[in-house]
Amino acid sequence: MKQRIAHIALVVEDYDDAIEFYTEKLEFQILEDTKLSEEKRWVVICPPGAKECSLLLAKAANDEQTKSIGNQTGGRVFLFLFTDDFWRDYNKMVSKNISFLRPPTEYEYGIVAVFEDLYGNQWDLLQPNENNKGWIR
């Protein structure tokens, strides 16, 4: 049996604002943007080079969903953006005014810094060490 996680739904306030942030500030690619109804679109984005998993931008449809925008994990880091060159991506993100909540720190598993997206979701920007193959799949 083979299974995989294809998409992770990220609740957003506005499709176009989210697309602008992710494509311009993080340089993600739009894989699909299909209008399903007047209020709903199927918007799938991913980082350059991603093969296994992507983000499905899901516009909040009611008050309960709106409450979770920016806090889908109760204040914990939500998503992990792996990179093959931490400093290249970190410096590029700083130049694009990405807000970092925790500065770059080296650990035994690699170098990491925590940033937030336009809604306040926390992300790790992470370059795993070569010897930590378990992190890289």
N, C-alpha and C. Protein backbone atom coordinates (compact mmCIF):
# COMPACT_ATOMS: atom_id res chain seq x y z
N MET A 1 0.85 -1.18 0.00
CA MET A 1 0.00 0.00 0.00
C MET A 1 0.90 1.23 0.00
N LYS A 2 0.48 2.24 -0.76
CA LYS A 2 1.21 3.50 -0.79
C LYS A 2 0.22 4.63 -0.58
N GLN A 3 0.53 5.51 0.37
CA GLN A 3 -0.29 6.67 0.64
C GLN A 3 0.62 7.88 0.76
N ARG A 4 0.04 9.06 0.63
CA ARG A 4 0.79 10.28 0.84
C ARG A 4 -0.18 11.41 1.14
N ILE A 5 0.29 12.43 1.79
CA ILE A 5 -0.50 13.63 2.00
C ILE A 5 -0.29 14.50 0.78
N ALA A 6 -1.37 14.84 0.11
CA ALA A 6 -1.28 15.61 -1.13
C ALA A 6 -1.38 17.11 -0.88
N HIS A 7 -2.35 17.52 -0.04
CA HIS A 7 -2.57 18.94 0.22
C HIS A 7 -2.81 19.15 1.71
N ILE A 8 -2.44 20.31 2.17
CA ILE A 8 -2.79 20.76 3.52
C ILE A 8 -3.63 22.02 3.34
N ALA A 9 -4.83 22.03 3.90
CA ALA A 9 -5.70 23.19 3.78
C ALA A 9 -5.23 24.28 4.73
N LEU A 10 -5.08 25.47 4.18
CA LEU A 10 -4.68 26.64 4.95
C LEU A 10 -5.83 27.64 4.84
N VAL A 11 -6.50 27.90 5.97
CA VAL A 11 -7.64 28.80 5.96
C VAL A 11 -7.13 30.24 5.82
N VAL A 12 -7.69 30.95 4.82
CA VAL A 12 -7.26 32.32 4.53
C VAL A 12 -8.46 33.25 4.53
N GLU A 13 -8.19 34.53 4.67
CA GLU A 13 -9.25 35.53 4.65
C GLU A 13 -9.65 35.89 3.22
N ASP A 14 -8.66 35.93 2.33
CA ASP A 14 -8.92 36.36 0.96
C ASP A 14 -7.98 35.60 0.01
N TYR A 15 -8.53 35.02 -1.03
CA TYR A 15 -7.70 34.26 -1.98
C TYR A 15 -6.60 35.11 -2.58
N ASP A 16 -6.96 36.27 -3.12
CA ASP A 16 -5.98 37.07 -3.85
C ASP A 16 -4.88 37.62 -2.96
N ASP A 17 -5.22 38.04 -1.74
CA ASP A 17 -4.19 38.50 -0.81
C ASP A 17 -3.22 37.37 -0.47
N ALA A 18 -3.76 36.18 -0.24
CA ALA A 18 -2.92 35.03 0.08
C ALA A 18 -2.04 34.65 -1.10
N ILE A 19 -2.61 34.62 -2.29
CA ILE A 19 -1.82 34.30 -3.48
C ILE A 19 -0.69 35.31 -3.64
N GLU A 20 -0.99 36.59 -3.48
CA GLU A 20 0.03 37.62 -3.62
C GLU A 20 1.17 37.41 -2.62
N PHE A 21 0.82 37.14 -1.36
CA PHE A 21 1.86 36.92 -0.34
C PHE A 21 2.73 35.72 -0.69
N TYR A 22 2.10 34.60 -0.93
CA TYR A 22 2.86 33.37 -1.13
C TYR A 22 3.66 33.37 -2.43
N THR A 23 3.12 33.97 -3.48
CA THR A 23 3.86 33.96 -4.75
C THR A 23 4.92 35.06 -4.81
N GLU A 24 4.65 36.22 -4.25
CA GLU A 24 5.60 37.33 -4.34
C GLU A 24 6.62 37.33 -3.21
N LYS A 25 6.20 37.04 -2.01
CA LYS A 25 7.13 37.09 -0.87
C LYS A 25 7.88 35.77 -0.68
N LEU A 26 7.19 34.63 -0.86
CA LEU A 26 7.85 33.34 -0.66
C LEU A 26 8.21 32.64 -1.97
N GLU A 27 7.79 33.23 -3.08
CA GLU A 27 8.07 32.71 -4.42
C GLU A 27 7.48 31.32 -4.67
N PHE A 28 6.34 31.05 -4.05
CA PHE A 28 5.61 29.82 -4.32
C PHE A 28 5.03 29.88 -5.73
N GLN A 29 4.66 28.72 -6.23
CA GLN A 29 4.07 28.62 -7.55
C GLN A 29 2.59 28.27 -7.42
N ILE A 30 1.79 28.79 -8.32
CA ILE A 30 0.37 28.42 -8.36
C ILE A 30 0.26 27.16 -9.23
N LEU A 31 -0.24 26.09 -8.64
CA LEU A 31 -0.45 24.86 -9.39
C LEU A 31 -1.84 24.84 -10.02
N GLU A 32 -2.80 25.44 -9.31
CA GLU A 32 -4.17 25.49 -9.84
C GLU A 32 -4.93 26.62 -9.17
N ASP A 33 -5.77 27.28 -9.94
CA ASP A 33 -6.67 28.31 -9.43
C ASP A 33 -7.96 28.21 -10.25
N THR A 34 -8.89 27.43 -9.72
CA THR A 34 -10.14 27.15 -10.44
C THR A 34 -11.32 27.70 -9.65
N LYS A 35 -12.17 28.46 -10.32
CA LYS A 35 -13.37 29.00 -9.69
C LYS A 35 -14.41 27.88 -9.60
N LEU A 36 -14.89 27.62 -8.38
CA LEU A 36 -15.90 26.58 -8.16
C LEU A 36 -17.30 27.17 -8.00
N SER A 37 -17.37 28.39 -7.48
CA SER A 37 -18.64 29.10 -7.32
C SER A 37 -18.30 30.58 -7.18
N GLU A 38 -19.29 31.40 -6.91
CA GLU A 38 -19.03 32.83 -6.72
C GLU A 38 -18.13 33.08 -5.51
N GLU A 39 -18.21 32.24 -4.49
CA GLU A 39 -17.44 32.44 -3.26
C GLU A 39 -16.24 31.51 -3.13
N LYS A 40 -16.21 30.43 -3.86
CA LYS A 40 -15.21 29.39 -3.61
C LYS A 40 -14.33 29.12 -4.82
N ARG A 41 -13.02 28.99 -4.53
CA ARG A 41 -12.04 28.62 -5.56
C ARG A 41 -11.22 27.45 -5.05
N TRP A 42 -10.65 26.71 -5.97
CA TRP A 42 -9.71 25.63 -5.66
C TRP A 42 -8.34 26.19 -6.01
N VAL A 43 -7.61 26.66 -4.98
CA VAL A 43 -6.31 27.30 -5.18
C VAL A 43 -5.25 26.44 -4.52
N VAL A 44 -4.34 25.92 -5.33
CA VAL A 44 -3.27 25.05 -4.84
C VAL A 44 -1.94 25.72 -5.17
N ILE A 45 -1.08 25.86 -4.15
CA ILE A 45 0.23 26.48 -4.32
C ILE A 45 1.30 25.58 -3.70
N CYS A 46 2.55 25.79 -4.10
CA CYS A 46 3.65 25.03 -3.50
C CYS A 46 4.96 25.79 -3.67
N PRO A 47 5.94 25.46 -2.84
CA PRO A 47 7.26 26.06 -3.01
C PRO A 47 7.92 25.53 -4.28
N PRO A 48 8.87 26.27 -4.82
CA PRO A 48 9.57 25.78 -6.01
C PRO A 48 10.24 24.43 -5.72
N GLY A 49 10.07 23.50 -6.60
CA GLY A 49 10.71 22.19 -6.45
C GLY A 49 9.92 21.19 -5.62
N ALA A 50 8.80 21.59 -5.03
CA ALA A 50 8.01 20.67 -4.21
C ALA A 50 7.39 19.60 -5.10
N LYS A 51 7.37 18.36 -4.59
CA LYS A 51 6.81 17.26 -5.36
C LYS A 51 5.69 16.52 -4.64
N GLU A 52 5.75 16.43 -3.35
CA GLU A 52 4.82 15.58 -2.62
C GLU A 52 3.60 16.30 -2.04
N CYS A 53 3.78 17.47 -1.50
CA CYS A 53 2.69 18.11 -0.77
C CYS A 53 2.56 19.57 -1.18
N SER A 54 1.34 20.07 -1.18
CA SER A 54 1.09 21.46 -1.52
C SER A 54 0.06 22.04 -0.55
N LEU A 55 -0.11 23.35 -0.63
CA LEU A 55 -1.11 24.02 0.20
C LEU A 55 -2.36 24.30 -0.61
N LEU A 56 -3.49 24.00 -0.01
CA LEU A 56 -4.78 24.36 -0.58
C LEU A 56 -5.26 25.59 0.17
N LEU A 57 -5.31 26.72 -0.51
CA LEU A 57 -5.80 27.94 0.13
C LEU A 57 -7.32 27.87 0.20
N ALA A 58 -7.83 27.87 1.41
CA ALA A 58 -9.27 27.69 1.63
C ALA A 58 -9.82 28.93 2.32
N LYS A 59 -10.61 29.70 1.58
CA LYS A 59 -11.19 30.92 2.15
C LYS A 59 -12.21 30.56 3.22
N ALA A 60 -12.08 31.22 4.37
CA ALA A 60 -13.02 30.98 5.46
C ALA A 60 -14.44 31.21 4.99
N ALA A 61 -15.32 30.26 5.30
CA ALA A 61 -16.70 30.31 4.82
C ALA A 61 -17.70 30.70 5.90
N ASN A 62 -17.25 30.77 7.17
CA ASN A 62 -18.17 31.13 8.25
C ASN A 62 -17.37 31.70 9.42
N ASP A 63 -18.06 32.12 10.46
CA ASP A 63 -17.40 32.75 11.61
C ASP A 63 -16.43 31.81 12.30
N GLU A 64 -16.79 30.55 12.43
CA GLU A 64 -15.92 29.58 13.10
C GLU A 64 -14.61 29.42 12.34
N GLN A 65 -14.68 29.31 11.04
CA GLN A 65 -13.46 29.19 10.23
C GLN A 65 -12.65 30.49 10.29
N THR A 66 -13.32 31.61 10.27
CA THR A 66 -12.62 32.90 10.33
C THR A 66 -11.80 33.01 11.62
N LYS A 67 -12.32 32.48 12.71
CA LYS A 67 -11.60 32.51 13.99
C LYS A 67 -10.27 31.77 13.93
N SER A 68 -10.15 30.77 13.06
CA SER A 68 -8.92 29.97 13.01
C SER A 68 -7.86 30.54 12.06
N ILE A 69 -8.20 31.58 11.32
CA ILE A 69 -7.22 32.17 10.40
C ILE A 69 -6.01 32.64 11.20
N GLY A 70 -4.85 32.16 10.80
CA GLY A 70 -3.60 32.55 11.46
C GLY A 70 -3.28 31.77 12.72
N ASN A 71 -4.16 30.87 13.13
CA ASN A 71 -3.93 30.14 14.37
C ASN A 71 -4.52 28.74 14.27
N GLN A 72 -4.23 28.05 13.20
CA GLN A 72 -4.80 26.72 13.00
C GLN A 72 -4.20 25.68 13.93
N THR A 73 -3.10 26.01 14.59
CA THR A 73 -2.45 25.03 15.47
C THR A 73 -2.31 25.53 16.91
N GLY A 74 -3.13 26.49 17.28
CA GLY A 74 -3.11 26.95 18.67
C GLY A 74 -1.83 27.66 19.06
N GLY A 75 -1.17 28.31 18.12
CA GLY A 75 0.04 29.08 18.43
C GLY A 75 1.35 28.35 18.21
N ARG A 76 1.30 27.11 17.79
CA ARG A 76 2.52 26.35 17.49
C ARG A 76 2.94 26.59 16.05
N VAL A 77 4.20 26.24 15.77
CA VAL A 77 4.63 26.26 14.37
C VAL A 77 3.72 25.31 13.61
N PHE A 78 3.23 25.78 12.47
CA PHE A 78 2.25 25.04 11.69
C PHE A 78 2.88 24.32 10.50
N LEU A 79 3.73 25.02 9.77
CA LEU A 79 4.29 24.46 8.55
C LEU A 79 5.81 24.56 8.56
N PHE A 80 6.44 23.65 7.84
CA PHE A 80 7.89 23.55 7.83
C PHE A 80 8.37 23.67 6.40
N LEU A 81 9.07 24.76 6.10
CA LEU A 81 9.58 25.02 4.77
C LEU A 81 11.06 24.64 4.74
N PHE A 82 11.35 23.50 4.13
CA PHE A 82 12.73 23.04 4.01
C PHE A 82 13.40 23.77 2.86
N THR A 83 14.69 24.02 3.01
CA THR A 83 15.46 24.70 1.98
C THR A 83 16.82 24.02 1.82
N ASP A 84 17.39 24.18 0.65
CA ASP A 84 18.74 23.66 0.42
C ASP A 84 19.80 24.73 0.66
N ASP A 85 19.36 25.98 0.94
CA ASP A 85 20.28 27.08 1.23
C ASP A 85 19.59 28.06 2.17
N PHE A 86 19.79 27.84 3.45
CA PHE A 86 19.10 28.62 4.47
C PHE A 86 19.36 30.12 4.30
N TRP A 87 20.63 30.50 4.22
CA TRP A 87 20.97 31.93 4.21
C TRP A 87 20.47 32.64 2.97
N ARG A 88 20.48 31.98 1.84
CA ARG A 88 19.92 32.57 0.61
C ARG A 88 18.44 32.91 0.84
N ASP A 89 17.69 31.93 1.33
CA ASP A 89 16.25 32.13 1.51
C ASP A 89 15.94 33.07 2.66
N TYR A 90 16.66 32.94 3.75
CA TYR A 90 16.45 33.83 4.90
C TYR A 90 16.68 35.28 4.50
N ASN A 91 17.80 35.58 3.85
CA ASN A 91 18.12 36.95 3.45
C ASN A 91 17.11 37.48 2.45
N LYS A 92 16.67 36.64 1.53
CA LYS A 92 15.66 37.05 0.56
C LYS A 92 14.35 37.38 1.28
N MET A 93 13.97 36.56 2.24
CA MET A 93 12.73 36.79 2.97
C MET A 93 12.81 38.06 3.81
N VAL A 94 13.95 38.29 4.45
CA VAL A 94 14.13 39.52 5.23
C VAL A 94 14.02 40.74 4.31
N SER A 95 14.60 40.66 3.12
CA SER A 95 14.54 41.78 2.18
C SER A 95 13.11 42.04 1.69
N LYS A 96 12.25 41.03 1.80
CA LYS A 96 10.85 41.18 1.39
C LYS A 96 9.94 41.43 2.60
N ASN A 97 10.56 41.83 3.71
CA ASN A 97 9.85 42.20 4.95
C ASN A 97 9.03 41.08 5.56
N ILE A 98 9.50 39.85 5.42
CA ILE A 98 8.89 38.74 6.15
C ILE A 98 9.26 38.90 7.63
N SER A 99 8.29 38.76 8.50
CA SER A 99 8.51 38.92 9.93
C SER A 99 9.02 37.61 10.54
N PHE A 100 10.22 37.66 11.12
CA PHE A 100 10.79 36.50 11.81
C PHE A 100 10.55 36.66 13.30
N LEU A 101 9.98 35.62 13.90
CA LEU A 101 9.66 35.63 15.32
C LEU A 101 10.82 35.11 16.16
N ARG A 102 11.61 34.22 15.57
CA ARG A 102 12.80 33.69 16.24
C ARG A 102 13.95 33.73 15.24
N PRO A 103 15.12 34.19 15.69
CA PRO A 103 16.25 34.35 14.78
C PRO A 103 16.83 33.00 14.36
N PRO A 104 17.67 33.00 13.33
CA PRO A 104 18.33 31.76 12.93
C PRO A 104 19.12 31.16 14.09
N THR A 105 18.95 29.87 14.26
CA THR A 105 19.64 29.14 15.33
C THR A 105 20.10 27.81 14.77
N GLU A 106 21.33 27.44 15.11
CA GLU A 106 21.85 26.15 14.68
C GLU A 106 21.61 25.11 15.76
N TYR A 107 21.07 23.98 15.34
CA TYR A 107 20.82 22.84 16.20
C TYR A 107 21.55 21.65 15.62
N GLU A 108 21.55 20.54 16.32
CA GLU A 108 22.21 19.35 15.80
C GLU A 108 21.58 18.85 14.51
N TYR A 109 20.31 19.15 14.30
CA TYR A 109 19.62 18.68 13.10
C TYR A 109 19.67 19.67 11.94
N GLY A 110 20.10 20.92 12.20
CA GLY A 110 20.18 21.90 11.12
C GLY A 110 20.00 23.31 11.62
N ILE A 111 19.83 24.23 10.69
CA ILE A 111 19.62 25.63 11.04
C ILE A 111 18.16 25.99 10.78
N VAL A 112 17.58 26.76 11.71
CA VAL A 112 16.14 27.05 11.64
C VAL A 112 15.86 28.45 12.15
N ALA A 113 14.85 29.08 11.59
CA ALA A 113 14.30 30.34 12.08
C ALA A 113 12.79 30.27 11.91
N VAL A 114 12.06 30.92 12.80
CA VAL A 114 10.59 30.90 12.74
C VAL A 114 10.11 32.23 12.18
N PHE A 115 9.27 32.13 11.14
CA PHE A 115 8.67 33.32 10.57
C PHE A 115 7.15 33.18 10.57
N GLU A 116 6.48 34.29 10.27
CA GLU A 116 5.02 34.23 10.18
C GLU A 116 4.57 34.69 8.81
N ASP A 117 3.44 34.12 8.39
CA ASP A 117 2.87 34.51 7.10
C ASP A 117 1.97 35.73 7.30
N LEU A 118 1.26 36.13 6.28
CA LEU A 118 0.45 37.34 6.34
C LEU A 118 -0.66 37.26 7.38
N TYR A 119 -1.03 36.06 7.80
CA TYR A 119 -2.10 35.92 8.79
C TYR A 119 -1.59 35.62 10.20
N GLY A 120 -0.29 35.41 10.33
CA GLY A 120 0.28 35.11 11.63
C GLY A 120 0.56 33.64 11.87
N ASN A 121 0.30 32.76 10.89
CA ASN A 121 0.68 31.35 11.03
C ASN A 121 2.20 31.27 11.16
N GLN A 122 2.65 30.44 12.07
CA GLN A 122 4.09 30.29 12.28
C GLN A 122 4.65 29.18 11.41
N TRP A 123 5.78 29.47 10.80
CA TRP A 123 6.49 28.54 9.93
C TRP A 123 7.92 28.39 10.41
N ASP A 124 8.49 27.22 10.23
CA ASP A 124 9.94 27.03 10.35
C ASP A 124 10.54 27.13 8.97
N LEU A 125 11.58 27.94 8.82
CA LEU A 125 12.45 27.87 7.65
C LEU A 125 13.61 27.03 8.11
N LEU A 126 13.84 25.90 7.47
CA LEU A 126 14.75 24.89 8.00
C LEU A 126 15.64 24.30 6.91
N GLN A 127 16.94 24.32 7.18
CA GLN A 127 17.88 23.57 6.34
C GLN A 127 18.47 22.46 7.20
N PRO A 128 18.01 21.22 6.96
CA PRO A 128 18.52 20.10 7.74
C PRO A 128 19.99 19.84 7.43
N ASN A 129 20.70 19.34 8.43
CA ASN A 129 22.09 18.93 8.21
C ASN A 129 22.13 17.72 7.31
N GLU A 130 23.23 17.59 6.60
CA GLU A 130 23.42 16.42 5.70
C GLU A 130 23.26 15.10 6.43
N ASN A 131 23.72 15.03 7.68
CA ASN A 131 23.70 13.77 8.42
C ASN A 131 22.34 13.44 9.02
N ASN A 132 21.36 14.27 8.80
CA ASN A 132 20.01 14.03 9.32
C ASN A 132 19.08 13.66 8.18
N LYS A 133 19.37 12.57 7.52
CA LYS A 133 18.59 12.12 6.37
C LYS A 133 17.15 11.80 6.76
N GLY A 134 16.91 11.48 8.02
CA GLY A 134 15.55 11.19 8.45
C GLY A 134 14.61 12.37 8.31
N TRP A 135 15.16 13.58 8.29
CA TRP A 135 14.35 14.78 8.13
C TRP A 135 14.02 15.02 6.66
N ILE A 136 14.85 14.47 5.79
CA ILE A 136 14.69 14.72 4.36
C ILE A 136 14.11 13.48 3.72
N ARG A 137 12.90 13.58 3.24
CA ARG A 137 12.24 12.42 2.61
C ARG A 137 11.69 12.82 1.27
